[in-house]
Protein backbone atom coordinates (compact mmCIF):
# COMPACT_ATOMS: atom_id res chain seq x y z
CA MET A 1 11.29 22.37 5.81
CA ILE A 2 12.25 21.27 9.23
CA PRO A 3 15.31 22.35 10.18
CA ALA A 4 18.07 19.65 9.37
CA ALA A 5 19.55 19.60 12.71
CA GLU A 6 15.74 18.99 14.48
CA THR A 7 15.71 15.84 16.54
CA PHE A 8 12.42 16.41 17.95
CA ASP A 9 13.48 15.51 21.50
CA GLU A 10 15.59 13.07 20.41
CA THR A 11 12.87 10.94 19.26
CA PHE A 12 14.72 11.31 15.97
CA PRO A 13 18.48 11.62 16.56
CA PHE A 14 19.79 10.40 13.43
CA PRO A 15 22.31 12.94 11.22
CA PRO A 16 20.77 14.43 8.15
CA HIS A 17 22.18 13.88 4.75
CA PHE A 18 21.19 15.57 1.62
CA THR A 19 21.57 15.46 -2.03
CA ALA A 20 20.91 17.45 -5.28
CA ALA A 21 21.02 14.47 -7.47
CA ALA A 22 17.15 15.04 -8.27
CA GLY A 23 17.40 18.78 -8.77
CA PHE A 24 15.91 19.77 -5.18
CA ARG A 25 17.44 19.54 -1.84
CA MET A 26 16.31 15.79 -0.80
CA HIS A 27 16.78 14.57 2.82
CA TYR A 28 17.65 11.17 3.45
CA VAL A 29 18.86 9.13 7.01
CA ASP A 30 21.79 6.57 6.24
CA GLU A 31 22.27 4.60 9.23
CA GLY A 32 24.76 1.58 9.98
CA SER A 33 26.44 -0.54 7.25
CA GLY A 34 25.59 -3.91 5.90
CA PRO A 35 22.53 -5.11 3.39
CA VAL A 36 21.01 -2.09 2.07
CA ILE A 37 17.22 -1.41 3.65
CA LEU A 38 15.46 1.15 1.67
CA CYS A 39 12.41 2.51 3.66
CA LEU A 40 9.77 4.78 2.00
CA HIS A 41 6.93 6.78 3.36
CA GLY A 42 3.76 8.02 2.09
CA GLU A 43 1.23 10.91 2.70
CA PRO A 44 1.64 13.21 4.87
CA THR A 45 4.17 11.58 6.81
CA TRP A 46 8.34 11.47 6.64
CA GLY A 47 10.72 9.58 7.67
CA TYR A 48 9.69 10.02 11.21
CA MET A 49 7.73 7.01 10.60
CA PHE A 50 10.41 4.64 10.54
CA ARG A 51 12.25 5.77 13.55
CA HIS A 52 11.76 2.61 15.09
CA VAL A 53 12.68 0.31 11.93
CA ILE A 54 16.14 2.40 11.98
CA THR A 55 17.12 2.19 15.43
CA ALA A 56 16.04 -1.79 15.46
CA LEU A 57 18.06 -2.67 12.09
CA ALA A 58 20.76 -0.23 11.44
CA PRO A 59 22.77 -2.44 13.91
CA GLY A 60 23.06 -5.13 11.07
CA HIS A 61 22.04 -3.29 7.88
CA ARG A 62 22.22 0.03 6.14
CA VAL A 63 19.15 1.85 6.59
CA VAL A 64 18.42 4.59 3.85
CA VAL A 65 15.29 6.74 4.64
CA PRO A 66 14.43 9.32 2.40
CA ASP A 67 12.02 12.28 2.53
CA HIS A 68 10.03 12.72 -0.54
CA MET A 69 9.96 16.24 -2.49
CA GLY A 70 7.70 18.41 -0.34
CA PHE A 71 7.78 16.15 3.01
CA GLY A 72 9.98 16.07 5.87
CA LYS A 73 13.67 17.56 5.59
CA SER A 74 13.08 17.59 2.16
CA ALA A 75 12.90 21.10 0.09
CA THR A 76 9.17 21.84 -1.62
CA PRO A 77 10.12 23.69 -4.62
CA ALA A 78 7.37 25.69 -5.88
CA ASP A 79 8.28 24.94 -9.73
CA ARG A 80 7.90 21.29 -9.67
CA SER A 81 4.97 18.64 -9.94
CA TYR A 82 4.28 16.32 -7.08
CA LEU A 83 2.74 13.07 -9.18
CA LEU A 84 3.74 9.70 -8.53
CA GLN A 85 5.90 9.54 -11.35
CA ASP A 86 7.80 12.65 -9.95
CA HIS A 87 8.47 11.02 -6.78
CA ILE A 88 9.76 7.66 -8.64
CA ASP A 89 11.97 9.82 -10.62
CA ASN A 90 13.21 11.32 -7.42
CA LEU A 91 13.99 7.88 -5.65
CA GLU A 92 15.57 6.57 -8.93
CA ALA A 93 18.35 9.81 -8.90
CA LEU A 94 18.99 8.94 -5.02
CA VAL A 95 19.49 5.39 -5.50
CA LEU A 96 21.66 5.69 -8.68
CA GLU A 97 23.63 8.64 -7.01
CA LEU A 98 24.27 6.23 -3.65
CA GLY A 99 25.08 3.17 -5.70
CA LEU A 100 22.43 1.13 -3.87
CA ARG A 101 22.21 -2.61 -4.78
CA ASP A 102 20.57 -5.54 -3.22
CA ILE A 103 17.95 -3.48 -1.90
CA THR A 104 15.09 -4.79 0.48
CA LEU A 105 12.30 -2.04 -0.07
CA VAL A 106 10.14 -1.22 2.95
CA MET A 107 7.22 0.65 1.73
CA HIS A 108 4.12 2.31 3.64
CA ASP A 109 1.41 4.11 1.97
CA PHE A 110 2.44 5.61 -1.55
CA GLY A 111 5.72 4.69 -0.93
CA GLY A 112 4.42 1.66 -2.16
CA PRO A 113 3.75 2.72 -5.91
CA VAL A 114 6.91 4.77 -5.59
CA GLY A 115 8.99 1.78 -4.34
CA MET A 116 7.53 -0.94 -7.10
CA GLY A 117 7.95 1.77 -9.70
CA LEU A 118 11.89 1.90 -8.78
CA ALA A 119 11.18 -2.03 -9.09
CA SER A 120 10.06 -1.55 -12.46
CA ARG A 121 12.61 0.28 -13.69
CA HIS A 122 15.43 -1.21 -11.91
CA PRO A 123 14.76 -4.88 -11.11
CA GLU A 124 18.37 -5.89 -10.77
CA LEU A 125 18.72 -3.54 -7.73
CA ILE A 126 15.96 -5.31 -5.82
CA ALA A 127 16.58 -8.27 -3.31
CA ARG A 128 13.44 -8.29 -1.13
CA VAL A 129 9.93 -6.19 -0.81
CA VAL A 130 8.36 -5.56 2.46
CA SER A 131 5.06 -3.57 2.15
CA VAL A 132 3.60 -2.43 5.21
CA ASN A 133 0.01 -0.98 4.56
CA GLY A 134 1.55 0.00 1.43
CA PRO A 135 0.07 -0.96 -2.23
CA THR A 136 1.96 -2.99 -4.32
CA PRO A 137 1.01 -2.04 -8.21
CA PHE A 138 2.77 -3.74 -10.75
CA GLY A 139 1.04 -4.29 -13.88
CA GLN A 140 -1.83 -6.45 -12.25
CA PRO A 141 -4.97 -6.53 -14.70
CA ASP A 142 -6.95 -5.36 -12.30
CA LEU A 143 -5.38 -2.83 -10.73
CA LEU A 144 -7.60 -0.12 -11.74
CA ASP A 145 -10.67 -1.71 -10.98
CA THR A 146 -9.07 -2.04 -7.35
CA LEU A 147 -8.10 1.66 -6.80
CA THR A 148 -11.54 2.34 -7.62
CA ALA A 149 -13.26 -0.18 -5.40
CA ASN A 150 -10.95 1.08 -2.54
CA ALA A 151 -11.77 4.74 -3.05
CA SER A 152 -15.27 4.29 -3.09
CA ARG A 153 -15.20 2.91 0.56
CA SER A 154 -12.25 4.88 2.13
CA PRO A 155 -13.03 8.02 4.21
CA TRP A 156 -9.97 9.60 3.19
CA PHE A 157 -10.20 8.92 -0.89
CA ARG A 158 -14.00 9.98 -0.54
CA TRP A 159 -12.84 13.34 1.39
CA ILE A 160 -10.38 14.03 -1.53
CA ALA A 161 -12.91 13.69 -4.24
CA GLU A 162 -15.58 15.84 -2.54
CA ALA A 163 -12.93 18.44 -1.37
CA HIS A 164 -11.74 18.61 -5.21
CA ASP A 165 -15.29 19.01 -6.51
CA ARG A 166 -16.00 21.65 -4.00
CA ASP A 167 -12.62 23.45 -4.75
CA SER A 168 -11.69 22.99 -1.32
CA LEU A 169 -9.05 20.58 -1.33
CA ARG A 170 -5.93 22.91 -1.68
CA SER A 171 -7.38 25.42 0.78
CA THR A 172 -7.80 22.62 3.56
CA LEU A 173 -4.37 20.63 3.08
CA GLY A 174 -2.80 24.29 2.54
CA HIS A 175 -3.42 24.57 6.66
CA LEU A 176 -1.95 20.68 7.20
CA GLY A 177 0.42 22.21 9.79
CA TYR A 178 -2.63 23.26 12.13
CA ASN A 179 -4.94 19.87 11.14
CA ILE A 180 -2.57 17.35 10.84
CA LEU A 181 -3.86 15.47 13.53
CA SER A 182 -7.54 15.24 12.09
CA THR A 183 -5.79 14.55 8.57
CA LEU A 184 -3.65 11.72 10.32
CA LYS A 185 -6.92 10.11 12.15
CA LEU A 186 -8.67 10.49 8.89
CA ASN A 187 -6.23 7.92 7.24
CA GLY A 188 -6.23 6.11 10.61
CA PHE A 189 -4.64 5.21 13.72
CA GLN A 190 -5.57 3.23 16.54
CA ASN A 191 -3.24 3.86 19.39
CA ASN A 192 -4.20 7.11 20.82
CA SER A 193 -1.44 6.79 23.60
CA ILE A 194 1.10 8.10 20.67
CA ILE A 195 -0.54 11.50 20.60
CA THR A 196 2.25 13.53 22.49
CA PRO A 197 3.03 17.45 21.96
CA THR A 198 6.46 16.33 20.46
CA TRP A 199 4.70 13.42 18.23
CA LEU A 200 2.24 16.20 16.73
CA ARG A 201 5.18 18.82 16.34
CA ALA A 202 7.02 16.06 14.45
CA TYR A 203 3.96 15.19 12.00
CA GLY A 204 3.12 19.33 11.70
CA SER A 205 6.43 20.70 11.41
CA PRO A 206 6.85 20.20 7.86
CA PHE A 207 4.12 22.24 6.57
CA PRO A 208 4.13 25.56 8.48
CA THR A 209 2.56 27.38 5.46
CA ALA A 210 0.54 26.95 2.34
CA ALA A 211 3.94 27.03 0.30
CA ASP A 212 5.06 23.90 2.19
CA THR A 213 2.56 21.70 1.54
CA LEU A 214 2.55 21.21 -2.18
CA GLY A 215 3.74 17.46 -1.68
CA ALA A 216 0.56 16.84 0.18
CA ILE A 217 -1.65 18.59 -1.96
CA GLY A 218 0.29 17.18 -5.22
CA TRP A 219 -0.45 13.76 -3.98
CA ALA A 220 -4.12 14.19 -3.13
CA GLU A 221 -5.17 15.94 -5.98
CA GLY A 222 -3.30 13.50 -8.56
CA PHE A 223 -5.66 11.24 -7.50
CA ALA A 224 -8.69 13.30 -7.63
CA GLN A 225 -7.31 14.67 -11.33
CA GLY A 226 -6.57 10.85 -12.13
CA ALA A 227 -2.91 12.02 -12.99
CA HIS A 228 -0.71 9.70 -11.28
CA THR A 229 1.02 7.11 -13.64
CA PHE A 230 1.92 3.74 -12.57
CA GLU A 231 4.72 2.10 -13.84
CA THR A 232 4.22 -0.71 -16.18
CA PRO A 233 7.06 -3.59 -15.66
CA SER A 234 8.43 -5.84 -18.10
CA ASP A 235 8.15 -9.30 -18.42
CA HIS A 236 11.74 -9.60 -16.86
CA ALA A 237 11.02 -7.30 -13.70
CA ARG A 238 7.98 -9.15 -13.40
CA GLU A 239 9.69 -12.58 -13.08
CA HIS A 240 12.68 -11.25 -11.31
CA LEU A 241 10.43 -9.76 -8.58
CA LYS A 242 8.25 -13.11 -8.15
CA SER A 243 11.77 -14.72 -7.41
CA CYS A 244 12.46 -12.22 -4.51
CA PRO A 245 11.44 -12.97 -0.87
CA ALA A 246 8.41 -10.75 -0.05
CA LEU A 247 6.85 -9.83 2.93
CA ALA A 248 3.19 -7.82 3.47
CA ILE A 249 2.35 -6.62 7.04
CA TRP A 250 -1.00 -5.23 7.27
CA GLY A 251 -2.79 -3.45 9.99
CA MET A 252 -6.34 -4.89 9.42
CA ALA A 253 -8.09 -1.93 10.66
CA ASP A 254 -7.01 0.31 7.86
CA ASP A 255 -9.85 1.97 6.31
CA THR A 256 -7.68 4.11 3.52
CA LEU A 257 -6.19 1.09 1.69
CA ALA A 258 -8.63 -2.23 2.87
CA ALA A 259 -7.03 -5.48 3.15
CA ASP A 260 -9.11 -7.12 1.44
CA HIS A 261 -8.47 -4.83 -1.85
CA PHE A 262 -4.65 -4.43 -1.44
CA LEU A 263 -3.82 -7.86 -0.41
CA PRO A 264 -4.76 -9.68 -3.36
CA LEU A 265 -2.51 -7.36 -5.16
CA PHE A 266 0.20 -8.44 -3.35
CA ARG A 267 -0.59 -11.92 -3.52
CA ALA A 268 -1.03 -11.16 -7.46
CA ALA A 269 2.74 -9.65 -7.68
CA PHE A 270 4.67 -12.05 -4.95
CA PRO A 271 2.38 -15.49 -5.34
CA ASN A 272 5.01 -16.73 -2.52
CA GLY A 273 5.24 -13.76 -0.55
CA GLN A 274 4.19 -13.91 3.20
CA VAL A 275 1.40 -12.54 4.56
CA ASN A 276 1.18 -10.96 8.56
CA GLU A 277 -2.18 -9.57 9.54
CA LEU A 278 -2.46 -7.48 12.60
CA PRO A 279 -5.82 -6.95 14.32
CA ASP A 280 -6.42 -3.92 15.68
CA THR A 281 -4.06 -1.93 13.63
CA GLY A 282 -4.82 0.89 11.84
CA HIS A 283 -3.42 2.45 8.02
CA TYR A 284 -0.34 3.97 10.20
CA SER A 285 0.44 0.70 11.29
CA LEU A 286 4.03 1.83 12.11
CA GLU A 287 2.59 4.11 14.64
CA ASP A 288 0.12 1.60 16.53
CA ASN A 289 2.40 -1.44 16.39
CA PRO A 290 6.00 -0.45 15.91
CA ALA A 291 7.38 -3.30 18.13
CA ILE A 292 5.32 -6.20 16.25
CA ILE A 293 6.46 -4.85 12.73
CA THR A 294 10.08 -4.17 13.40
CA ALA A 295 10.10 -8.25 14.98
CA LEU A 296 8.42 -9.49 11.94
CA LEU A 297 10.90 -7.42 9.83
CA LYS A 298 13.86 -8.95 11.81
CA LEU A 299 12.50 -12.49 11.48
CA PHE A 300 12.08 -12.07 7.55
CA LEU A 301 15.48 -10.18 7.25
CA ASP A 302 16.98 -13.39 9.17
CA THR A 303 15.30 -15.97 7.49
CA THR A 304 15.84 -14.73 4.16
CA ALA A 305 19.40 -13.74 4.21
């Protein structure tokens, strides 16, 4: 676990907050005041990915950025499982404890299914939805076919399946603190100028030992074993979400979550949603193009207020 006060050379200067609402020490950033923006990271990142969003939006909003169990400054309990349904449970506990309402979800990577799981359970809490290279599973009839088709061409998901079959997935991800750059590059980013010692330390620090990698292992292993459970929304939840303003911002060079598979899922859930396609931008689009993404977020928030 990263020390609570660590700022990574002031690139992440936000005071830490912690809760035990979900039964472990969960870290979150809570900056600014106003309408709530809830930012959800994915694999194998943490709230650090939203540092530019926090800085840009906190002056007029309350920006809450949790680290999922096993990631960032949150604890990695040895006696817990790290499947999608567990992360939804944890997020639900945090949101209810903080009393968050009228939430704008901003979701990246597996933050997408976690956030959509929260929306399925508590649609009345959601005001807007933003997907930034994040899947939006919400009971679409072709969801399983989409995930299967994407996994067959994605270098990351193909590696997960092959490593699981070779029984090397746990041993490889167990050294994530050392091979974090190769893991991030396999998932995909285009802008190599972001690679600095501070940046590498920020993304590698959550995983100093094999015991600290259970979150990353659990998410990958869950796919290999077909153990993740997606929430099934009620008709009421579907109708409510359809009425919410929605935005997809997609890095079109994403080889992990291909746009031609996941943008149709977004359009099915949000037929009136906006879509912005970013060329030459990879899976970690918030690293490749933070200025453009924060500008699009500001515009979306301003025009849907």
